[in-house]
Amino acid sequence: MSDIKRKKDPIGVRERLLDAAVKTMQKGGANAFTLDEVARAANVSKGGLLHHFPAKGALLEALLDDLLNRFDALALQFYEQDLSTAGRWLRAYVKATFADEPPPLEVVLMLTFMLTEQPEMLNRIREYVDIWNERFVKDGVSPMRAHVIRGAADSYWTDVVLGMMPDTPEERVALMNELLHLITA
């Protein structure tokens, strides 16, 4: 028997669990999302999962926060690269939404559907949207135009999840370019 102890890596385990949660939802949708399935996909015991996330709700909250933070980080990169003035935040939002490898926004959508029964989580999503809406208002694009463009970007993922639109690179680029054109029109 070896005297070598396994090095604990709580941050790495937590990240594996969040990645496994995303993959579980992407593979089987919200119905496949169980703690047992996430633990299995992460190659972690259910007890290990419960150590990090004591209940399914805690995992869902952490997953939502992680995905929204990833989206914000990507959008911030696009914002900082954009040297134009009016519409910078809106362009960053659209570009992050339709990026070659965006955060799994279809999972954010599934989480939103799942969380409509949980007022505290729904409020978290509303607060997040309010932050973006505030950015858009100060962005130099009319608030109504910004609302329409954000709504179109967001609805793309709804259509993809519901099977009403294919998620192909061509579709994604075409819609992104149309929305970017509307920002400056």
C-alpha atoms as a PDB file:
ATOM      1  CA  MET A   1       0.000   0.000   0.000  1.00  0.00           C
ATOM      2  CA  SER A   2       1.324   3.414  -0.927  1.00  0.00           C
ATOM      3  CA  ASP A   3       2.052   6.105   1.634  1.00  0.00           C
ATOM      4  CA  ILE A   4       1.384   8.802  -0.971  1.00  0.00           C
ATOM      5  CA  LYS A   5      -1.669  10.831  -0.067  1.00  0.00           C
ATOM      6  CA  ARG A   6      -3.898  12.306  -2.697  1.00  0.00           C
ATOM      7  CA  LYS A   7      -3.472  16.054  -2.795  1.00  0.00           C
ATOM      8  CA  LYS A   8      -6.754  17.798  -2.128  1.00  0.00           C
ATOM      9  CA  ASP A   9      -7.841  20.292  -4.750  1.00  0.00           C
ATOM     10  CA  PRO A  10     -11.170  21.766  -3.644  1.00  0.00           C
ATOM     11  CA  ILE A  11     -11.131  24.485  -6.311  1.00  0.00           C
ATOM     12  CA  GLY A  12     -10.397  21.954  -9.047  1.00  0.00           C
ATOM     13  CA  VAL A  13     -13.129  19.616  -7.787  1.00  0.00           C
ATOM     14  CA  ARG A  14     -15.621  22.488  -7.665  1.00  0.00           C
ATOM     15  CA  GLU A  15     -14.744  23.477 -11.243  1.00  0.00           C
ATOM     16  CA  ARG A  16     -15.081  19.854 -12.400  1.00  0.00           C
ATOM     17  CA  LEU A  17     -18.495  19.669 -10.768  1.00  0.00           C
ATOM     18  CA  LEU A  18     -19.644  22.874 -12.473  1.00  0.00           C
ATOM     19  CA  ASP A  19     -18.314  21.664 -15.839  1.00  0.00           C
ATOM     20  CA  ALA A  20     -20.044  18.329 -15.324  1.00  0.00           C
ATOM     21  CA  ALA A  21     -23.279  20.132 -14.486  1.00  0.00           C
ATOM     22  CA  VAL A  22     -23.063  22.046 -17.774  1.00  0.00           C
ATOM     23  CA  LYS A  23     -22.330  18.887 -19.762  1.00  0.00           C
ATOM     24  CA  THR A  24     -25.163  17.032 -18.040  1.00  0.00           C
ATOM     25  CA  MET A  25     -27.642  19.734 -19.037  1.00  0.00           C
ATOM     26  CA  GLN A  26     -26.266  20.003 -22.553  1.00  0.00           C
ATOM     27  CA  LYS A  27     -26.502  16.252 -23.025  1.00  0.00           C
ATOM     28  CA  GLY A  28     -29.883  15.520 -21.484  1.00  0.00           C
ATOM     29  CA  GLY A  29     -31.571  18.816 -20.682  1.00  0.00           C
ATOM     30  CA  ALA A  30     -33.020  19.868 -17.361  1.00  0.00           C
ATOM     31  CA  ASN A  31     -34.643  16.456 -16.795  1.00  0.00           C
ATOM     32  CA  ALA A  32     -31.248  14.737 -16.797  1.00  0.00           C
ATOM     33  CA  PHE A  33     -29.907  17.143 -14.209  1.00  0.00           C
ATOM     34  CA  THR A  34     -29.589  15.114 -11.028  1.00  0.00           C
ATOM     35  CA  LEU A  35     -26.926  15.234  -8.351  1.00  0.00           C
ATOM     36  CA  ASP A  36     -26.104  11.584  -9.020  1.00  0.00           C
ATOM     37  CA  GLU A  37     -25.568  12.263 -12.730  1.00  0.00           C
ATOM     38  CA  VAL A  38     -23.435  15.358 -12.100  1.00  0.00           C
ATOM     39  CA  ALA A  39     -21.281  13.495  -9.553  1.00  0.00           C
ATOM     40  CA  ARG A  40     -20.835  10.587 -11.965  1.00  0.00           C
ATOM     41  CA  ALA A  41     -19.921  12.915 -14.857  1.00  0.00           C
ATOM     42  CA  ALA A  42     -17.367  14.718 -12.662  1.00  0.00           C
ATOM     43  CA  ASN A  43     -15.954  11.424 -11.363  1.00  0.00           C
ATOM     44  CA  VAL A  44     -16.676  12.586  -7.811  1.00  0.00           C
ATOM     45  CA  SER A  45     -18.631  10.776  -5.124  1.00  0.00           C
ATOM     46  CA  LYS A  46     -22.056  12.120  -4.311  1.00  0.00           C
ATOM     47  CA  GLY A  47     -20.703  12.913  -0.839  1.00  0.00           C
ATOM     48  CA  GLY A  48     -17.924  14.941  -2.472  1.00  0.00           C
ATOM     49  CA  LEU A  49     -20.486  16.839  -4.499  1.00  0.00           C
ATOM     50  CA  LEU A  50     -22.578  17.494  -1.392  1.00  0.00           C
ATOM     51  CA  HIS A  51     -19.481  18.765   0.392  1.00  0.00           C
ATOM     52  CA  HIS A  52     -19.211  21.547  -2.198  1.00  0.00           C
ATOM     53  CA  PHE A  53     -22.928  21.993  -2.869  1.00  0.00           C
ATOM     54  CA  PRO A  54     -25.098  20.815   0.046  1.00  0.00           C
ATOM     55  CA  ALA A  55     -28.265  20.722  -2.063  1.00  0.00           C
ATOM     56  CA  LYS A  56     -29.337  20.768  -5.694  1.00  0.00           C
ATOM     57  CA  GLY A  57     -30.378  24.409  -5.289  1.00  0.00           C
ATOM     58  CA  ALA A  58     -26.869  25.370  -4.169  1.00  0.00           C
ATOM     59  CA  LEU A  59     -25.395  23.711  -7.251  1.00  0.00           C
ATOM     60  CA  LEU A  60     -27.906  25.483  -9.502  1.00  0.00           C
ATOM     61  CA  GLU A  61     -27.100  28.850  -7.897  1.00  0.00           C
ATOM     62  CA  ALA A  62     -23.357  28.312  -8.280  1.00  0.00           C
ATOM     63  CA  LEU A  63     -23.810  27.153 -11.854  1.00  0.00           C
ATOM     64  CA  LEU A  64     -25.879  30.201 -12.752  1.00  0.00           C
ATOM     65  CA  ASP A  65     -23.372  32.564 -11.118  1.00  0.00           C
ATOM     66  CA  ASP A  66     -20.473  30.848 -12.874  1.00  0.00           C
ATOM     67  CA  LEU A  67     -22.094  31.040 -16.304  1.00  0.00           C
ATOM     68  CA  LEU A  68     -23.133  34.675 -15.893  1.00  0.00           C
ATOM     69  CA  ASN A  69     -19.618  35.579 -14.713  1.00  0.00           C
ATOM     70  CA  ARG A  70     -18.132  33.798 -17.737  1.00  0.00           C
ATOM     71  CA  PHE A  71     -20.455  35.712 -20.049  1.00  0.00           C
ATOM     72  CA  ASP A  72     -19.540  39.010 -18.370  1.00  0.00           C
ATOM     73  CA  ALA A  73     -15.820  38.287 -18.702  1.00  0.00           C
ATOM     74  CA  LEU A  74     -16.192  37.513 -22.396  1.00  0.00           C
ATOM     75  CA  ALA A  75     -18.352  40.599 -22.986  1.00  0.00           C
ATOM     76  CA  LEU A  76     -15.803  42.746 -21.141  1.00  0.00           C
ATOM     77  CA  GLN A  77     -13.074  41.512 -23.496  1.00  0.00           C
ATOM     78  CA  PHE A  78     -15.162  42.594 -26.494  1.00  0.00           C
ATOM     79  CA  TYR A  79     -15.977  45.908 -24.806  1.00  0.00           C
ATOM     80  CA  GLU A  80     -12.313  46.684 -24.172  1.00  0.00           C
ATOM     81  CA  GLN A  81     -11.367  45.821 -27.779  1.00  0.00           C
ATOM     82  CA  ASP A  82     -14.039  48.158 -29.201  1.00  0.00           C
ATOM     83  CA  LEU A  83     -12.658  51.655 -29.679  1.00  0.00           C
ATOM     84  CA  SER A  84     -15.922  53.128 -30.960  1.00  0.00           C
ATOM     85  CA  THR A  85     -18.113  55.116 -28.628  1.00  0.00           C
ATOM     86  CA  ALA A  86     -21.868  54.698 -29.020  1.00  0.00           C
ATOM     87  CA  GLY A  87     -23.073  51.140 -28.605  1.00  0.00           C
ATOM     88  CA  ARG A  88     -19.910  49.605 -27.116  1.00  0.00           C
ATOM     89  CA  TRP A  89     -21.720  47.623 -24.418  1.00  0.00           C
ATOM     90  CA  LEU A  90     -24.452  46.520 -26.778  1.00  0.00           C
ATOM     91  CA  ARG A  91     -21.920  45.341 -29.369  1.00  0.00           C
ATOM     92  CA  ALA A  92     -20.007  43.519 -26.627  1.00  0.00           C
ATOM     93  CA  TYR A  93     -23.220  41.798 -25.493  1.00  0.00           C
ATOM     94  CA  VAL A  94     -24.087  40.716 -29.031  1.00  0.00           C
ATOM     95  CA  LYS A  95     -20.545  39.532 -29.786  1.00  0.00           C
ATOM     96  CA  ALA A  96     -20.370  37.544 -26.530  1.00  0.00           C
ATOM     97  CA  THR A  97     -23.762  36.005 -27.253  1.00  0.00           C
ATOM     98  CA  PHE A  98     -22.704  34.841 -30.708  1.00  0.00           C
ATOM     99  CA  ALA A  99     -19.014  34.181 -30.055  1.00  0.00           C
ATOM    100  CA  ASP A 100     -17.407  31.126 -31.635  1.00  0.00           C
ATOM    101  CA  GLU A 101     -17.285  29.536 -28.192  1.00  0.00           C
ATOM    102  CA  PRO A 102     -19.691  31.450 -25.978  1.00  0.00           C
ATOM    103  CA  PRO A 103     -20.391  30.350 -22.452  1.00  0.00           C
ATOM    104  CA  PRO A 104     -23.114  27.686 -22.699  1.00  0.00           C
ATOM    105  CA  LEU A 105     -25.991  30.147 -22.941  1.00  0.00           C
ATOM    106  CA  GLU A 106     -28.462  27.363 -23.665  1.00  0.00           C
ATOM    107  CA  VAL A 107     -27.721  26.097 -20.146  1.00  0.00           C
ATOM    108  CA  VAL A 108     -28.364  29.594 -18.738  1.00  0.00           C
ATOM    109  CA  LEU A 109     -31.721  29.464 -20.504  1.00  0.00           C
ATOM    110  CA  MET A 110     -32.532  26.009 -19.095  1.00  0.00           C
ATOM    111  CA  LEU A 111     -31.561  27.237 -15.634  1.00  0.00           C
ATOM    112  CA  THR A 112     -33.827  30.249 -16.076  1.00  0.00           C
ATOM    113  CA  PHE A 113     -36.727  27.951 -16.925  1.00  0.00           C
ATOM    114  CA  MET A 114     -35.932  25.754 -13.913  1.00  0.00           C
ATOM    115  CA  LEU A 115     -35.597  28.711 -11.562  1.00  0.00           C
ATOM    116  CA  THR A 116     -38.897  30.417 -12.302  1.00  0.00           C
ATOM    117  CA  GLU A 117     -40.265  28.562  -9.286  1.00  0.00           C
ATOM    118  CA  GLN A 118     -37.566  30.035  -7.030  1.00  0.00           C
ATOM    119  CA  PRO A 119     -38.180  33.768  -6.478  1.00  0.00           C
ATOM    120  CA  GLU A 120     -34.745  34.469  -4.984  1.00  0.00           C
ATOM    121  CA  MET A 121     -33.002  33.001  -8.037  1.00  0.00           C
ATOM    122  CA  LEU A 122     -35.335  34.744 -10.439  1.00  0.00           C
ATOM    123  CA  ASN A 123     -34.504  38.010  -8.670  1.00  0.00           C
ATOM    124  CA  ARG A 124     -30.800  37.277  -9.205  1.00  0.00           C
ATOM    125  CA  ILE A 125     -31.426  36.945 -12.942  1.00  0.00           C
ATOM    126  CA  ARG A 126     -33.504  40.132 -12.963  1.00  0.00           C
ATOM    127  CA  GLU A 127     -30.721  42.022 -11.173  1.00  0.00           C
ATOM    128  CA  TYR A 128     -28.239  40.745 -13.750  1.00  0.00           C
ATOM    129  CA  VAL A 129     -30.436  41.897 -16.633  1.00  0.00           C
ATOM    130  CA  ASP A 130     -30.923  45.256 -14.900  1.00  0.00           C
ATOM    131  CA  ILE A 131     -27.138  45.758 -14.805  1.00  0.00           C
ATOM    132  CA  TRP A 132     -26.938  45.148 -18.547  1.00  0.00           C
ATOM    133  CA  ASN A 133     -29.952  47.363 -19.239  1.00  0.00           C
ATOM    134  CA  GLU A 134     -28.292  50.147 -17.248  1.00  0.00           C
ATOM    135  CA  ARG A 135     -25.156  49.790 -19.371  1.00  0.00           C
ATOM    136  CA  PHE A 136     -27.253  49.962 -22.538  1.00  0.00           C
ATOM    137  CA  VAL A 137     -29.069  53.124 -21.402  1.00  0.00           C
ATOM    138  CA  LYS A 138     -25.707  54.875 -20.941  1.00  0.00           C
ATOM    139  CA  ASP A 139     -24.371  53.423 -24.188  1.00  0.00           C
ATOM    140  CA  GLY A 140     -25.559  56.059 -26.644  1.00  0.00           C
ATOM    141  CA  VAL A 141     -28.091  53.812 -28.402  1.00  0.00           C
ATOM    142  CA  SER A 142     -31.797  54.457 -27.946  1.00  0.00           C
ATOM    143  CA  PRO A 143     -33.174  52.339 -25.076  1.00  0.00           C
ATOM    144  CA  MET A 144     -35.877  50.840 -27.316  1.00  0.00           C
ATOM    145  CA  ARG A 145     -33.361  49.832 -29.982  1.00  0.00           C
ATOM    146  CA  ALA A 146     -31.118  48.325 -27.301  1.00  0.00           C
ATOM    147  CA  HIS A 147     -34.103  46.420 -25.887  1.00  0.00           C
ATOM    148  CA  VAL A 148     -35.000  45.011 -29.300  1.00  0.00           C
ATOM    149  CA  ILE A 149     -31.412  43.993 -30.064  1.00  0.00           C
ATOM    150  CA  ARG A 150     -30.867  42.371 -26.658  1.00  0.00           C
ATOM    151  CA  GLY A 151     -34.188  40.573 -26.998  1.00  0.00           C
ATOM    152  CA  ALA A 152     -33.257  39.251 -30.438  1.00  0.00           C
ATOM    153  CA  ALA A 153     -29.869  38.055 -29.190  1.00  0.00           C
ATOM    154  CA  ASP A 154     -31.437  36.357 -26.178  1.00  0.00           C
ATOM    155  CA  SER A 155     -34.236  34.772 -28.204  1.00  0.00           C
ATOM    156  CA  TYR A 156     -31.732  33.058 -30.473  1.00  0.00           C
ATOM    157  CA  TRP A 157     -30.811  30.712 -27.630  1.00  0.00           C
ATOM    158  CA  THR A 158     -34.469  30.146 -26.749  1.00  0.00           C
ATOM    159  CA  ASP A 159     -35.115  29.118 -30.349  1.00  0.00           C
ATOM    160  CA  VAL A 160     -32.069  26.819 -30.323  1.00  0.00           C
ATOM    161  CA  VAL A 161     -33.087  25.115 -27.055  1.00  0.00           C
ATOM    162  CA  LEU A 162     -36.673  24.656 -28.273  1.00  0.00           C
ATOM    163  CA  GLY A 163     -35.436  23.244 -31.587  1.00  0.00           C
ATOM    164  CA  MET A 164     -36.946  26.086 -33.612  1.00  0.00           C
ATOM    165  CA  MET A 165     -33.610  27.207 -35.083  1.00  0.00           C
ATOM    166  CA  PRO A 166     -30.409  25.311 -35.819  1.00  0.00           C
ATOM    167  CA  ASP A 167     -27.297  26.407 -33.980  1.00  0.00           C
ATOM    168  CA  THR A 168     -24.898  26.536 -36.898  1.00  0.00           C
ATOM    169  CA  PRO A 169     -21.905  28.830 -37.266  1.00  0.00           C
ATOM    170  CA  GLU A 170     -23.513  30.329 -40.381  1.00  0.00           C
ATOM    171  CA  GLU A 171     -26.791  31.150 -38.591  1.00  0.00           C
ATOM    172  CA  ARG A 172     -24.940  32.552 -35.619  1.00  0.00           C
ATOM    173  CA  VAL A 173     -22.689  34.823 -37.700  1.00  0.00           C
ATOM    174  CA  ALA A 174     -25.553  36.020 -39.910  1.00  0.00           C
ATOM    175  CA  LEU A 175     -27.724  36.995 -36.941  1.00  0.00           C
ATOM    176  CA  MET A 176     -24.810  38.583 -35.097  1.00  0.00           C
ATOM    177  CA  ASN A 177     -23.913  40.695 -38.129  1.00  0.00           C
ATOM    178  CA  GLU A 178     -27.515  41.796 -38.590  1.00  0.00           C
ATOM    179  CA  LEU A 179     -27.772  42.861 -34.949  1.00  0.00           C
ATOM    180  CA  LEU A 180     -24.423  44.665 -35.085  1.00  0.00           C
ATOM    181  CA  HIS A 181     -25.664  46.520 -38.156  1.00  0.00           C
ATOM    182  CA  LEU A 182     -28.820  47.558 -36.284  1.00  0.00           C
ATOM    183  CA  ILE A 183     -26.730  49.040 -33.477  1.00  0.00           C
ATOM    184  CA  THR A 184     -25.047  51.490 -35.803  1.00  0.00           C
ATOM    185  CA  ALA A 185     -27.948  52.041 -38.227  1.00  0.00           C
END
